[in-house]
Amino acid sequence: MSTLESFCNLVWGTSYFKVTQKISKNDYKEFQIPKKGGMRTINYLDKNSPLGELQHQLLLNYLWKHDLPVCVKGFRKGESYRSFLSDHIGSEFFLRIDISSFFPSISDTLIKTEFSNLVTCSIAEEKAKILDLICDIVTLDNKLPQGACTSPMVSNIVMARIDQRITKYCQVFNIRYTRYADDLLFSSKEFNFSEKKWFIKKIKYILAAQKLKLNYGKQKMGRKEFALNGYIISDTGIRLSRNRLSDIRHSVSFSKNNYSLLETQGVIVFLNEANNLPLKYRDLKKYPFSTVFQFVQYLCGYRSFLISLTDENYASSTFQKELQRLIRRIEKEIIRLSKANSVAIRKSC
């Protein structure tokens, strides 16, 4: 059996020909979600679609098996957004850098270059076919799609050498470094980033090796306490910011008190009320909820994010108890809204 056929049999349990027959980019569904300064396009695949199944099998049987640098905290077993932040507890100076258009910046050419070091095959033609096959399965329009289950892990593998270079550079100055997808976080007890701007230029130079660019609009520095995405890092640990807590509580309370509006007065009335919520992290005038599904997904996003911050080792702490209460409340409202929305849809038909 050739190396190509062995690879396909190991990952997908079938032949190269049968794998290629399942690849169809028409399986993708597209929707948009608001982000600062515009909208983000999400290309979604049903996991039961032929291409969706190929991606999940590739993720489980191949991508997850590769080692990653310790600084990688996103989309990795045993790591979470909490570990991304917690490595910086106790630091004095902080710097956050964001990579611009992260997934779309990772091209099929870049993927082949980095994966060529992982694919062991002595026959050049077969190795090229394996790399082409992987790219064909994980890319859309020759780049990583935001929303595919394989994109986060592929990006981690592509970034591995970059992460190692940045880590080694940071070690020279006793700087802590972690990365969660496109978020790069640095901290130190002595190194003042605001006084030593050349540090950012060096990181920019390292990223440019993979043709990645900085998003200067999201660059942020801080001292002692550092707020990031609604979470605060301090000497004592991590906590939710008041504004983030406010948004979660307003959304959950609104659902609890108004989900019955869906059944009695319909979707439009419910959404009109939802779009008057005093949210801090979503501009409802620019990006209102246009469907109940969007509001449910908004709650689901908070649920996932809060789960990523849970830590069984500190389950008895005040912060962890608060997280568990919020997660349970959100889950209850997701179920309520989903049922009420189903009733509203049946009534409108």
C-alpha atoms as a PDB file:
ATOM      1  CA  MET A   1       0.000   0.000   0.000  1.00  0.00           C
ATOM      2  CA  SER A   2       1.354   3.441  -0.946  1.00  0.00           C
ATOM      3  CA  THR A   3       2.031   6.137   1.669  1.00  0.00           C
ATOM      4  CA  LEU A   4      -0.888   8.157   0.274  1.00  0.00           C
ATOM      5  CA  GLU A   5      -3.335   5.272   0.651  1.00  0.00           C
ATOM      6  CA  SER A   6      -1.942   4.438   4.107  1.00  0.00           C
ATOM      7  CA  PHE A   7      -2.476   8.053   5.200  1.00  0.00           C
ATOM      8  CA  CYS A   8      -6.091   8.067   3.973  1.00  0.00           C
ATOM      9  CA  ASN A   9      -6.806   4.713   5.578  1.00  0.00           C
ATOM     10  CA  LEU A  10      -5.302   5.848   8.900  1.00  0.00           C
ATOM     11  CA  VAL A  11      -7.175   9.161   9.020  1.00  0.00           C
ATOM     12  CA  TRP A  12     -10.479   8.402   7.274  1.00  0.00           C
ATOM     13  CA  GLY A  13     -10.574   4.602   7.120  1.00  0.00           C
ATOM     14  CA  THR A  14     -11.036   4.580   3.354  1.00  0.00           C
ATOM     15  CA  SER A  15      -9.202   5.073   0.070  1.00  0.00           C
ATOM     16  CA  TYR A  16      -7.791   8.270  -1.413  1.00  0.00           C
ATOM     17  CA  PHE A  17     -10.359   8.114  -4.233  1.00  0.00           C
ATOM     18  CA  LYS A  18     -13.317   7.866  -1.841  1.00  0.00           C
ATOM     19  CA  VAL A  19     -11.982  10.738   0.276  1.00  0.00           C
ATOM     20  CA  THR A  20     -11.692  13.035  -2.744  1.00  0.00           C
ATOM     21  CA  GLN A  21     -15.246  12.154  -3.792  1.00  0.00           C
ATOM     22  CA  LYS A  22     -16.579  13.618  -0.530  1.00  0.00           C
ATOM     23  CA  ILE A  23     -14.932  17.029  -0.923  1.00  0.00           C
ATOM     24  CA  SER A  24     -17.446  19.690  -1.911  1.00  0.00           C
ATOM     25  CA  LYS A  25     -17.101  23.342  -0.948  1.00  0.00           C
ATOM     26  CA  ASN A  26     -20.843  23.710  -1.575  1.00  0.00           C
ATOM     27  CA  ASP A  27     -21.345  22.180   1.883  1.00  0.00           C
ATOM     28  CA  TYR A  28     -20.407  25.509   3.478  1.00  0.00           C
ATOM     29  CA  LYS A  29     -23.098  27.802   4.845  1.00  0.00           C
ATOM     30  CA  GLU A  30     -22.294  31.466   5.394  1.00  0.00           C
ATOM     31  CA  PHE A  31     -23.506  33.936   7.997  1.00  0.00           C
ATOM     32  CA  GLN A  32     -22.145  37.083   9.589  1.00  0.00           C
ATOM     33  CA  ILE A  33     -21.645  38.245  13.141  1.00  0.00           C
ATOM     34  CA  PRO A  34     -20.778  41.757  14.303  1.00  0.00           C
ATOM     35  CA  LYS A  35     -17.248  42.703  15.263  1.00  0.00           C
ATOM     36  CA  LYS A  36     -15.630  46.005  16.111  1.00  0.00           C
ATOM     37  CA  GLY A  37     -15.553  48.086  12.947  1.00  0.00           C
ATOM     38  CA  GLY A  38     -17.740  45.840  10.801  1.00  0.00           C
ATOM     39  CA  MET A  39     -18.957  42.291  10.337  1.00  0.00           C
ATOM     40  CA  ARG A  40     -17.133  38.947  10.486  1.00  0.00           C
ATOM     41  CA  THR A  41     -18.025  36.275   7.942  1.00  0.00           C
ATOM     42  CA  ILE A  42     -18.411  32.776   9.348  1.00  0.00           C
ATOM     43  CA  ASN A  43     -18.302  29.801   6.983  1.00  0.00           C
ATOM     44  CA  TYR A  44     -20.112  27.007   8.762  1.00  0.00           C
ATOM     45  CA  LEU A  45     -20.121  23.287   7.967  1.00  0.00           C
ATOM     46  CA  ASP A  46     -22.691  20.828   9.269  1.00  0.00           C
ATOM     47  CA  LYS A  47     -20.622  18.090  10.937  1.00  0.00           C
ATOM     48  CA  ASN A  48     -22.819  15.474   9.224  1.00  0.00           C
ATOM     49  CA  SER A  49     -22.096  16.827   5.739  1.00  0.00           C
ATOM     50  CA  PRO A  50     -19.508  14.841   3.713  1.00  0.00           C
ATOM     51  CA  LEU A  51     -16.861  17.561   4.012  1.00  0.00           C
ATOM     52  CA  GLY A  52     -17.773  18.186   7.646  1.00  0.00           C
ATOM     53  CA  GLU A  53     -17.183  14.512   8.427  1.00  0.00           C
ATOM     54  CA  LEU A  54     -13.810  14.593   6.662  1.00  0.00           C
ATOM     55  CA  GLN A  55     -12.756  17.614   8.716  1.00  0.00           C
ATOM     56  CA  HIS A  56     -13.807  16.059  12.026  1.00  0.00           C
ATOM     57  CA  GLN A  57     -11.964  12.841  11.249  1.00  0.00           C
ATOM     58  CA  LEU A  58      -8.861  14.780  10.204  1.00  0.00           C
ATOM     59  CA  LEU A  59      -9.035  16.767  13.433  1.00  0.00           C
ATOM     60  CA  LEU A  60      -9.423  13.722  15.690  1.00  0.00           C
ATOM     61  CA  ASN A  61      -7.154  11.269  13.906  1.00  0.00           C
ATOM     62  CA  TYR A  62      -4.360  13.557  12.768  1.00  0.00           C
ATOM     63  CA  LEU A  63      -4.328  17.233  13.767  1.00  0.00           C
ATOM     64  CA  TRP A  64      -4.854  16.667  17.509  1.00  0.00           C
ATOM     65  CA  LYS A  65      -1.882  14.311  17.610  1.00  0.00           C
ATOM     66  CA  HIS A  66       0.737  16.993  16.958  1.00  0.00           C
ATOM     67  CA  ASP A  67       2.628  18.630  19.808  1.00  0.00           C
ATOM     68  CA  LEU A  68       2.450  22.387  20.232  1.00  0.00           C
ATOM     69  CA  PRO A  69       4.584  24.942  22.103  1.00  0.00           C
ATOM     70  CA  VAL A  70       3.546  25.507  25.731  1.00  0.00           C
ATOM     71  CA  CYS A  71       2.600  29.122  24.991  1.00  0.00           C
ATOM     72  CA  VAL A  72      -0.379  27.971  22.879  1.00  0.00           C
ATOM     73  CA  LYS A  73      -3.543  28.165  24.984  1.00  0.00           C
ATOM     74  CA  GLY A  74      -6.342  28.319  22.416  1.00  0.00           C
ATOM     75  CA  PHE A  75      -8.118  25.281  20.929  1.00  0.00           C
ATOM     76  CA  ARG A  76      -5.848  22.833  22.701  1.00  0.00           C
ATOM     77  CA  LYS A  77      -6.720  19.991  25.060  1.00  0.00           C
ATOM     78  CA  GLY A  78      -6.096  20.913  28.669  1.00  0.00           C
ATOM     79  CA  GLU A  79      -5.885  24.629  27.895  1.00  0.00           C
ATOM     80  CA  SER A  80      -8.448  27.429  27.845  1.00  0.00           C
ATOM     81  CA  TYR A  81      -8.894  31.180  27.852  1.00  0.00           C
ATOM     82  CA  ARG A  82      -8.336  31.014  31.580  1.00  0.00           C
ATOM     83  CA  SER A  83      -4.875  29.469  31.178  1.00  0.00           C
ATOM     84  CA  PHE A  84      -4.152  32.067  28.482  1.00  0.00           C
ATOM     85  CA  LEU A  85      -4.691  34.747  31.116  1.00  0.00           C
ATOM     86  CA  SER A  86      -3.573  32.980  34.297  1.00  0.00           C
ATOM     87  CA  ASP A  87       0.082  32.675  33.230  1.00  0.00           C
ATOM     88  CA  HIS A  88       0.276  36.457  33.618  1.00  0.00           C
ATOM     89  CA  ILE A  89      -1.103  36.742  37.159  1.00  0.00           C
ATOM     90  CA  GLY A  90       1.279  38.759  39.326  1.00  0.00           C
ATOM     91  CA  SER A  91       2.932  40.670  36.482  1.00  0.00           C
ATOM     92  CA  GLU A  92       3.486  44.430  36.603  1.00  0.00           C
ATOM     93  CA  PHE A  93       3.516  45.346  32.886  1.00  0.00           C
ATOM     94  CA  PHE A  94       1.229  44.011  30.155  1.00  0.00           C
ATOM     95  CA  LEU A  95       1.027  44.110  26.360  1.00  0.00           C
ATOM     96  CA  ARG A  96      -1.653  42.651  24.123  1.00  0.00           C
ATOM     97  CA  ILE A  97      -1.077  42.324  20.361  1.00  0.00           C
ATOM     98  CA  ASP A  98      -3.683  41.172  17.850  1.00  0.00           C
ATOM     99  CA  ILE A  99      -3.006  39.577  14.459  1.00  0.00           C
ATOM    100  CA  SER A 100      -5.060  41.166  11.692  1.00  0.00           C
ATOM    101  CA  SER A 101      -7.463  38.861   9.750  1.00  0.00           C
ATOM    102  CA  PHE A 102      -5.859  35.833  11.350  1.00  0.00           C
ATOM    103  CA  PHE A 103      -7.555  32.837   9.675  1.00  0.00           C
ATOM    104  CA  PRO A 104      -7.883  34.459   6.201  1.00  0.00           C
ATOM    105  CA  SER A 105      -4.172  35.342   6.355  1.00  0.00           C
ATOM    106  CA  ILE A 106      -3.239  31.657   6.518  1.00  0.00           C
ATOM    107  CA  SER A 107      -3.051  30.542   2.885  1.00  0.00           C
ATOM    108  CA  ASP A 108      -2.846  27.075   1.400  1.00  0.00           C
ATOM    109  CA  THR A 109       0.770  27.836   0.422  1.00  0.00           C
ATOM    110  CA  LEU A 110       1.639  28.587   4.046  1.00  0.00           C
ATOM    111  CA  ILE A 111      -0.152  25.442   5.232  1.00  0.00           C
ATOM    112  CA  LYS A 112       1.762  23.251   2.782  1.00  0.00           C
ATOM    113  CA  THR A 113       5.061  24.807   3.826  1.00  0.00           C
ATOM    114  CA  GLU A 114       4.521  24.106   7.531  1.00  0.00           C
ATOM    115  CA  PHE A 115       2.843  20.715   7.122  1.00  0.00           C
ATOM    116  CA  SER A 116       5.598  19.488   4.800  1.00  0.00           C
ATOM    117  CA  ASN A 117       7.742  19.084   7.928  1.00  0.00           C
ATOM    118  CA  LEU A 118       5.090  16.853   9.497  1.00  0.00           C
ATOM    119  CA  VAL A 119       4.203  14.615   6.552  1.00  0.00           C
ATOM    120  CA  THR A 120       6.799  11.857   6.344  1.00  0.00           C
ATOM    121  CA  CYS A 121       6.957  10.462   2.844  1.00  0.00           C
ATOM    122  CA  SER A 122      10.050   9.672   0.783  1.00  0.00           C
ATOM    123  CA  ILE A 123       8.215   9.906  -2.548  1.00  0.00           C
ATOM    124  CA  ALA A 124       7.863  13.570  -3.497  1.00  0.00           C
ATOM    125  CA  GLU A 125       4.814  13.061  -5.707  1.00  0.00           C
ATOM    126  CA  GLU A 126       2.862  11.249  -2.978  1.00  0.00           C
ATOM    127  CA  LYS A 127       3.864  13.791  -0.343  1.00  0.00           C
ATOM    128  CA  ALA A 128       2.596  16.577  -2.591  1.00  0.00           C
ATOM    129  CA  LYS A 129      -0.733  14.754  -2.998  1.00  0.00           C
ATOM    130  CA  ILE A 130      -1.110  14.371   0.779  1.00  0.00           C
ATOM    131  CA  LEU A 131      -0.436  18.077   1.300  1.00  0.00           C
ATOM    132  CA  ASP A 132      -2.848  18.993  -1.513  1.00  0.00           C
ATOM    133  CA  LEU A 133      -5.493  16.748   0.029  1.00  0.00           C
ATOM    134  CA  ILE A 134      -5.142  18.278   3.504  1.00  0.00           C
ATOM    135  CA  CYS A 135      -5.354  21.790   2.052  1.00  0.00           C
ATOM    136  CA  ASP A 136      -8.350  20.920  -0.087  1.00  0.00           C
ATOM    137  CA  ILE A 137     -10.207  19.684   2.995  1.00  0.00           C
ATOM    138  CA  VAL A 138      -9.331  22.515   5.412  1.00  0.00           C
ATOM    139  CA  THR A 139      -9.336  25.597   3.131  1.00  0.00           C
ATOM    140  CA  LEU A 140     -11.984  27.638   1.327  1.00  0.00           C
ATOM    141  CA  ASP A 141     -10.894  29.949  -1.485  1.00  0.00           C
ATOM    142  CA  ASN A 142      -7.272  28.966  -0.742  1.00  0.00           C
ATOM    143  CA  LYS A 143      -7.329  30.152   2.884  1.00  0.00           C
ATOM    144  CA  LEU A 144      -8.546  29.017   6.286  1.00  0.00           C
ATOM    145  CA  PRO A 145     -12.257  29.666   6.736  1.00  0.00           C
ATOM    146  CA  GLN A 146     -13.469  31.136   9.996  1.00  0.00           C
ATOM    147  CA  GLY A 147     -15.936  28.587  11.330  1.00  0.00           C
ATOM    148  CA  ALA A 148     -14.449  25.292  10.122  1.00  0.00           C
ATOM    149  CA  CYS A 149     -13.632  22.925  13.009  1.00  0.00           C
ATOM    150  CA  THR A 150     -10.132  22.318  11.624  1.00  0.00           C
ATOM    151  CA  SER A 151      -9.111  25.975  11.255  1.00  0.00           C
ATOM    152  CA  PRO A 152      -8.018  26.589  14.883  1.00  0.00           C
ATOM    153  CA  MET A 153      -5.759  23.541  15.067  1.00  0.00           C
ATOM    154  CA  VAL A 154      -4.346  24.084  11.562  1.00  0.00           C
ATOM    155  CA  SER A 155      -3.522  27.669  12.560  1.00  0.00           C
ATOM    156  CA  ASN A 156      -1.795  26.428  15.732  1.00  0.00           C
ATOM    157  CA  ILE A 157       0.391  24.065  13.704  1.00  0.00           C
ATOM    158  CA  VAL A 158       1.195  26.789  11.175  1.00  0.00           C
ATOM    159  CA  MET A 159       2.100  29.167  14.027  1.00  0.00           C
ATOM    160  CA  ALA A 160       4.293  26.652  15.904  1.00  0.00           C
ATOM    161  CA  ARG A 161       7.649  27.925  14.615  1.00  0.00           C
ATOM    162  CA  ILE A 162       6.555  31.545  15.105  1.00  0.00           C
ATOM    163  CA  ASP A 163       5.508  30.773  18.693  1.00  0.00           C
ATOM    164  CA  GLN A 164       8.869  29.151  19.396  1.00  0.00           C
ATOM    165  CA  ARG A 165      10.757  32.165  18.012  1.00  0.00           C
ATOM    166  CA  ILE A 166       8.693  34.604  20.058  1.00  0.00           C
ATOM    167  CA  THR A 167       9.064  32.480  23.209  1.00  0.00           C
ATOM    168  CA  LYS A 168      12.859  32.326  22.872  1.00  0.00           C
ATOM    169  CA  TYR A 169      13.027  36.063  22.269  1.00  0.00           C
ATOM    170  CA  CYS A 170      10.860  36.757  25.328  1.00  0.00           C
ATOM    171  CA  GLN A 171      12.998  34.514  27.538  1.00  0.00           C
ATOM    172  CA  VAL A 172      15.948  36.859  27.001  1.00  0.00           C
ATOM    173  CA  PHE A 173      14.021  39.625  28.800  1.00  0.00           C
ATOM    174  CA  ASN A 174      12.109  37.429  31.309  1.00  0.00           C
ATOM    175  CA  ILE A 175       8.833  38.189  29.525  1.00  0.00           C
ATOM    176  CA  ARG A 176       5.882  35.815  29.769  1.00  0.00           C
ATOM    177  CA  TYR A 177       4.145  34.988  26.495  1.00  0.00           C
ATOM    178  CA  THR A 178       0.896  33.160  25.690  1.00  0.00           C
ATOM    179  CA  ARG A 179      -1.242  33.025  22.554  1.00  0.00           C
ATOM    180  CA  TYR A 180      -4.953  32.351  22.129  1.00  0.00           C
ATOM    181  CA  ALA A 181      -5.712  32.256  18.373  1.00  0.00           C
ATOM    182  CA  ASP A 182      -4.952  35.799  17.131  1.00  0.00           C
ATOM    183  CA  ASP A 183      -4.423  37.235  20.633  1.00  0.00           C
ATOM    184  CA  LEU A 184      -0.786  37.508  21.772  1.00  0.00           C
ATOM    185  CA  LEU A 185      -0.333  38.413  25.430  1.00  0.00           C
ATOM    186  CA  PHE A 186       2.965  39.493  27.016  1.00  0.00           C
ATOM    187  CA  SER A 187       3.741  40.452  30.587  1.00  0.00           C
ATOM    188  CA  SER A 188       6.693  41.111  32.856  1.00  0.00           C
ATOM    189  CA  LYS A 189       7.541  42.224  36.358  1.00  0.00           C
ATOM    190  CA  GLU A 190      10.257  44.594  35.110  1.00  0.00           C
ATOM    191  CA  PHE A 191      10.041  45.112  31.327  1.00  0.00           C
ATOM    192  CA  ASN A 192       8.006  48.270  30.633  1.00  0.00           C
ATOM    193  CA  PHE A 193       6.532  47.825  27.145  1.00  0.00           C
ATOM    194  CA  SER A 194       5.422  51.457  26.869  1.00  0.00           C
ATOM    195  CA  GLU A 195       9.032  52.644  27.276  1.00  0.00           C
ATOM    196  CA  LYS A 196      10.565  50.021  24.964  1.00  0.00           C
ATOM    197  CA  LYS A 197       8.588  50.278  21.748  1.00  0.00           C
ATOM    198  CA  TRP A 198      11.281  48.361  19.860  1.00  0.00           C
ATOM    199  CA  PHE A 199       9.878  45.162  21.385  1.00  0.00           C
ATOM    200  CA  ILE A 200       6.688  45.462  19.317  1.00  0.00           C
ATOM    201  CA  LYS A 201       8.749  46.081  16.180  1.00  0.00           C
ATOM    202  CA  LYS A 202      10.614  42.827  16.802  1.00  0.00           C
ATOM    203  CA  ILE A 203       7.367  40.860  17.204  1.00  0.00           C
ATOM    204  CA  LYS A 204       6.064  42.482  14.017  1.00  0.00           C
ATOM    205  CA  TYR A 205       9.232  41.359  12.215  1.00  0.00           C
ATOM    206  CA  ILE A 206       8.833  37.757  13.449  1.00  0.00           C
ATOM    207  CA  LEU A 207       5.173  37.606  12.375  1.00  0.00           C
ATOM    208  CA  ALA A 208       6.044  39.050   8.969  1.00  0.00           C
ATOM    209  CA  ALA A 209       7.991  35.851   8.248  1.00  0.00           C
ATOM    210  CA  GLN A 210       4.585  34.191   7.819  1.00  0.00           C
ATOM    211  CA  LYS A 211       3.114  37.271   6.126  1.00  0.00           C
ATOM    212  CA  LEU A 212       1.033  38.052   9.194  1.00  0.00           C
ATOM    213  CA  LYS A 213       0.269  41.661  10.147  1.00  0.00           C
ATOM    214  CA  LEU A 214      -0.593  43.428  13.383  1.00  0.00           C
ATOM    215  CA  ASN A 215      -3.983  44.948  14.091  1.00  0.00           C
ATOM    216  CA  TYR A 216      -2.828  48.187  15.706  1.00  0.00           C
ATOM    217  CA  GLY A 217      -6.392  49.092  16.636  1.00  0.00           C
ATOM    218  CA  LYS A 218      -6.421  46.261  19.198  1.00  0.00           C
ATOM    219  CA  GLN A 219      -2.941  46.850  20.585  1.00  0.00           C
ATOM    220  CA  LYS A 220      -3.121  47.539  24.310  1.00  0.00           C
ATOM    221  CA  MET A 221      -0.708  48.182  27.188  1.00  0.00           C
ATOM    222  CA  GLY A 222      -1.341  48.238  30.912  1.00  0.00           C
ATOM    223  CA  ARG A 223       0.188  48.205  34.352  1.00  0.00           C
ATOM    224  CA  LYS A 224      -0.687  46.306  37.553  1.00  0.00           C
ATOM    225  CA  GLU A 225      -4.294  45.453  36.583  1.00  0.00           C
ATOM    226  CA  PHE A 226      -4.972  44.575  32.957  1.00  0.00           C
ATOM    227  CA  ALA A 227      -8.439  44.416  31.392  1.00  0.00           C
ATOM    228  CA  LEU A 228      -8.865  42.190  28.338  1.00  0.00           C
ATOM    229  CA  ASN A 229     -12.137  41.171  26.655  1.00  0.00           C
ATOM    230  CA  GLY A 230     -14.096  41.840  29.826  1.00  0.00           C
ATOM    231  CA  TYR A 231     -11.701  40.025  32.154  1.00  0.00           C
ATOM    232  CA  ILE A 232      -9.211  41.548  34.562  1.00  0.00           C
ATOM    233  CA  ILE A 233      -5.796  40.136  35.471  1.00  0.00           C
ATOM    234  CA  SER A 234      -4.421  41.280  38.816  1.00  0.00           C
ATOM    235  CA  ASP A 235      -2.012  40.202  41.562  1.00  0.00           C
ATOM    236  CA  THR A 236      -4.675  37.997  43.114  1.00  0.00           C
ATOM    237  CA  GLY A 237      -6.106  36.282  40.038  1.00  0.00           C
ATOM    238  CA  ILE A 238      -8.670  36.744  37.271  1.00  0.00           C
ATOM    239  CA  ARG A 239     -12.118  38.241  37.554  1.00  0.00           C
ATOM    240  CA  LEU A 240     -14.894  39.425  35.270  1.00  0.00           C
ATOM    241  CA  SER A 241     -15.106  43.153  34.688  1.00  0.00           C
ATOM    242  CA  ARG A 242     -18.184  45.028  35.881  1.00  0.00           C
ATOM    243  CA  ASN A 243     -19.235  45.814  32.310  1.00  0.00           C
ATOM    244  CA  ARG A 244     -18.971  42.175  31.231  1.00  0.00           C
ATOM    245  CA  LEU A 245     -20.952  41.026  34.257  1.00  0.00           C
ATOM    246  CA  SER A 246     -23.517  43.714  33.528  1.00  0.00           C
ATOM    247  CA  ASP A 247     -24.010  42.518  29.947  1.00  0.00           C
ATOM    248  CA  ILE A 248     -24.432  38.895  31.007  1.00  0.00           C
ATOM    249  CA  ARG A 249     -26.875  39.700  33.796  1.00  0.00           C
ATOM    250  CA  HIS A 250     -28.929  42.083  31.639  1.00  0.00           C
ATOM    251  CA  SER A 251     -29.209  39.462  28.869  1.00  0.00           C
ATOM    252  CA  VAL A 252     -30.101  36.603  31.204  1.00  0.00           C
ATOM    253  CA  SER A 253     -32.629  38.667  33.167  1.00  0.00           C
ATOM    254  CA  PHE A 254     -34.219  39.911  29.958  1.00  0.00           C
ATOM    255  CA  SER A 255     -34.655  36.359  28.708  1.00  0.00           C
ATOM    256  CA  LYS A 256     -36.106  35.208  32.023  1.00  0.00           C
ATOM    257  CA  ASN A 257     -38.646  38.047  32.133  1.00  0.00           C
ATOM    258  CA  ASN A 258     -39.532  38.232  28.428  1.00  0.00           C
ATOM    259  CA  TYR A 259     -39.207  34.809  26.783  1.00  0.00           C
ATOM    260  CA  SER A 260     -43.000  34.457  27.020  1.00  0.00           C
ATOM    261  CA  LEU A 261     -43.282  37.451  24.638  1.00  0.00           C
ATOM    262  CA  LEU A 262     -42.269  35.086  21.846  1.00  0.00           C
ATOM    263  CA  GLU A 263     -45.303  32.894  22.465  1.00  0.00           C
ATOM    264  CA  THR A 264     -47.807  35.669  23.174  1.00  0.00           C
ATOM    265  CA  GLN A 265     -46.763  38.619  20.993  1.00  0.00           C
ATOM    266  CA  GLY A 266     -44.284  37.161  18.520  1.00  0.00           C
ATOM    267  CA  VAL A 267     -40.698  37.524  17.381  1.00  0.00           C
ATOM    268  CA  ILE A 268     -40.801  41.194  16.353  1.00  0.00           C
ATOM    269  CA  VAL A 269     -41.946  42.408  19.768  1.00  0.00           C
ATOM    270  CA  PHE A 270     -39.330  40.279  21.513  1.00  0.00           C
ATOM    271  CA  LEU A 271     -36.508  41.571  19.297  1.00  0.00           C
ATOM    272  CA  ASN A 272     -37.616  45.196  19.666  1.00  0.00           C
ATOM    273  CA  GLU A 273     -37.300  44.812  23.428  1.00  0.00           C
ATOM    274  CA  ALA A 274     -33.992  42.895  23.194  1.00  0.00           C
ATOM    275  CA  ASN A 275     -32.440  45.620  21.057  1.00  0.00           C
ATOM    276  CA  ASN A 276     -33.062  48.160  23.812  1.00  0.00           C
ATOM    277  CA  LEU A 277     -30.825  46.345  26.292  1.00  0.00           C
ATOM    278  CA  PRO A 278     -28.051  48.565  27.779  1.00  0.00           C
ATOM    279  CA  LEU A 279     -25.170  46.350  26.604  1.00  0.00           C
ATOM    280  CA  LYS A 280     -21.588  47.586  26.914  1.00  0.00           C
ATOM    281  CA  TYR A 281     -19.872  45.086  24.604  1.00  0.00           C
ATOM    282  CA  ARG A 282     -22.335  45.142  21.704  1.00  0.00           C
ATOM    283  CA  ASP A 283     -23.563  48.253  19.915  1.00  0.00           C
ATOM    284  CA  LEU A 284     -27.197  47.344  19.316  1.00  0.00           C
ATOM    285  CA  LYS A 285     -27.786  50.432  17.184  1.00  0.00           C
ATOM    286  CA  LYS A 286     -25.208  49.275  14.652  1.00  0.00           C
ATOM    287  CA  TYR A 287     -25.589  45.527  15.171  1.00  0.00           C
ATOM    288  CA  PRO A 288     -29.085  44.734  16.457  1.00  0.00           C
ATOM    289  CA  PHE A 289     -30.356  41.204  16.975  1.00  0.00           C
ATOM    290  CA  SER A 290     -32.268  40.418  13.779  1.00  0.00           C
ATOM    291  CA  THR A 291     -33.430  36.934  14.801  1.00  0.00           C
ATOM    292  CA  VAL A 292     -34.090  35.071  18.030  1.00  0.00           C
ATOM    293  CA  PHE A 293     -31.435  32.603  16.908  1.00  0.00           C
ATOM    294  CA  GLN A 294     -28.859  35.431  17.028  1.00  0.00           C
ATOM    295  CA  PHE A 295     -29.841  36.235  20.603  1.00  0.00           C
ATOM    296  CA  VAL A 296     -29.613  32.558  21.579  1.00  0.00           C
ATOM    297  CA  GLN A 297     -26.184  32.336  19.928  1.00  0.00           C
ATOM    298  CA  TYR A 298     -25.164  35.431  21.861  1.00  0.00           C
ATOM    299  CA  LEU A 299     -26.015  33.609  25.097  1.00  0.00           C
ATOM    300  CA  CYS A 300     -24.296  30.446  23.842  1.00  0.00           C
ATOM    301  CA  GLY A 301     -21.153  32.470  23.201  1.00  0.00           C
ATOM    302  CA  TYR A 302     -21.127  33.693  26.780  1.00  0.00           C
ATOM    303  CA  ARG A 303     -21.723  30.169  28.048  1.00  0.00           C
ATOM    304  CA  SER A 304     -18.722  28.849  26.099  1.00  0.00           C
ATOM    305  CA  PHE A 305     -16.534  31.703  27.230  1.00  0.00           C
ATOM    306  CA  LEU A 306     -17.436  31.272  30.893  1.00  0.00           C
ATOM    307  CA  ILE A 307     -16.842  27.523  30.683  1.00  0.00           C
ATOM    308  CA  SER A 308     -13.368  28.232  29.314  1.00  0.00           C
ATOM    309  CA  LEU A 309     -12.612  30.114  32.537  1.00  0.00           C
ATOM    310  CA  THR A 310     -13.693  27.349  34.916  1.00  0.00           C
ATOM    311  CA  ASP A 311     -11.019  25.574  36.924  1.00  0.00           C
ATOM    312  CA  GLU A 312     -11.794  22.600  39.171  1.00  0.00           C
ATOM    313  CA  ASN A 313      -8.659  23.287  41.229  1.00  0.00           C
ATOM    314  CA  TYR A 314     -10.253  26.510  42.465  1.00  0.00           C
ATOM    315  CA  ALA A 315     -13.884  25.372  42.511  1.00  0.00           C
ATOM    316  CA  SER A 316     -14.459  26.750  46.015  1.00  0.00           C
ATOM    317  CA  SER A 317     -13.266  30.267  45.154  1.00  0.00           C
ATOM    318  CA  THR A 318     -15.784  33.105  44.938  1.00  0.00           C
ATOM    319  CA  PHE A 319     -14.997  33.710  41.261  1.00  0.00           C
ATOM    320  CA  GLN A 320     -15.456  30.062  40.284  1.00  0.00           C
ATOM    321  CA  LYS A 321     -18.747  29.803  42.185  1.00  0.00           C
ATOM    322  CA  GLU A 322     -19.981  32.935  40.404  1.00  0.00           C
ATOM    323  CA  LEU A 323     -19.008  31.400  37.056  1.00  0.00           C
ATOM    324  CA  GLN A 324     -20.966  28.222  37.771  1.00  0.00           C
ATOM    325  CA  ARG A 325     -24.069  30.208  38.782  1.00  0.00           C
ATOM    326  CA  LEU A 326     -23.914  32.290  35.606  1.00  0.00           C
ATOM    327  CA  ILE A 327     -23.388  29.229  33.400  1.00  0.00           C
ATOM    328  CA  ARG A 328     -26.418  27.475  34.910  1.00  0.00           C
ATOM    329  CA  ARG A 329     -28.583  30.601  34.470  1.00  0.00           C
ATOM    330  CA  ILE A 330     -27.496  31.001  30.839  1.00  0.00           C
ATOM    331  CA  GLU A 331     -28.177  27.328  30.070  1.00  0.00           C
ATOM    332  CA  LYS A 332     -31.664  27.637  31.535  1.00  0.00           C
ATOM    333  CA  GLU A 333     -32.448  30.665  29.361  1.00  0.00           C
ATOM    334  CA  ILE A 334     -31.064  29.050  26.206  1.00  0.00           C
ATOM    335  CA  ILE A 335     -33.497  26.152  26.684  1.00  0.00           C
ATOM    336  CA  ARG A 336     -36.414  28.491  27.426  1.00  0.00           C
ATOM    337  CA  LEU A 337     -35.780  30.728  24.440  1.00  0.00           C
ATOM    338  CA  SER A 338     -35.298  27.821  22.050  1.00  0.00           C
ATOM    339  CA  LYS A 339     -38.624  26.267  23.075  1.00  0.00           C
ATOM    340  CA  ALA A 340     -40.473  29.606  22.971  1.00  0.00           C
ATOM    341  CA  ASN A 341     -39.017  30.413  19.565  1.00  0.00           C
ATOM    342  CA  SER A 342     -40.233  27.064  18.220  1.00  0.00           C
ATOM    343  CA  VAL A 343     -43.737  27.881  19.434  1.00  0.00           C
ATOM    344  CA  ALA A 344     -43.577  31.332  17.852  1.00  0.00           C
ATOM    345  CA  ILE A 345     -42.463  29.885  14.520  1.00  0.00           C
ATOM    346  CA  ARG A 346     -45.295  27.334  14.477  1.00  0.00           C
ATOM    347  CA  LYS A 347     -47.837  30.053  15.224  1.00  0.00           C
ATOM    348  CA  SER A 348     -46.573  32.235  12.396  1.00  0.00           C
ATOM    349  CA  CYS A 349     -46.828  29.433   9.827  1.00  0.00           C
END
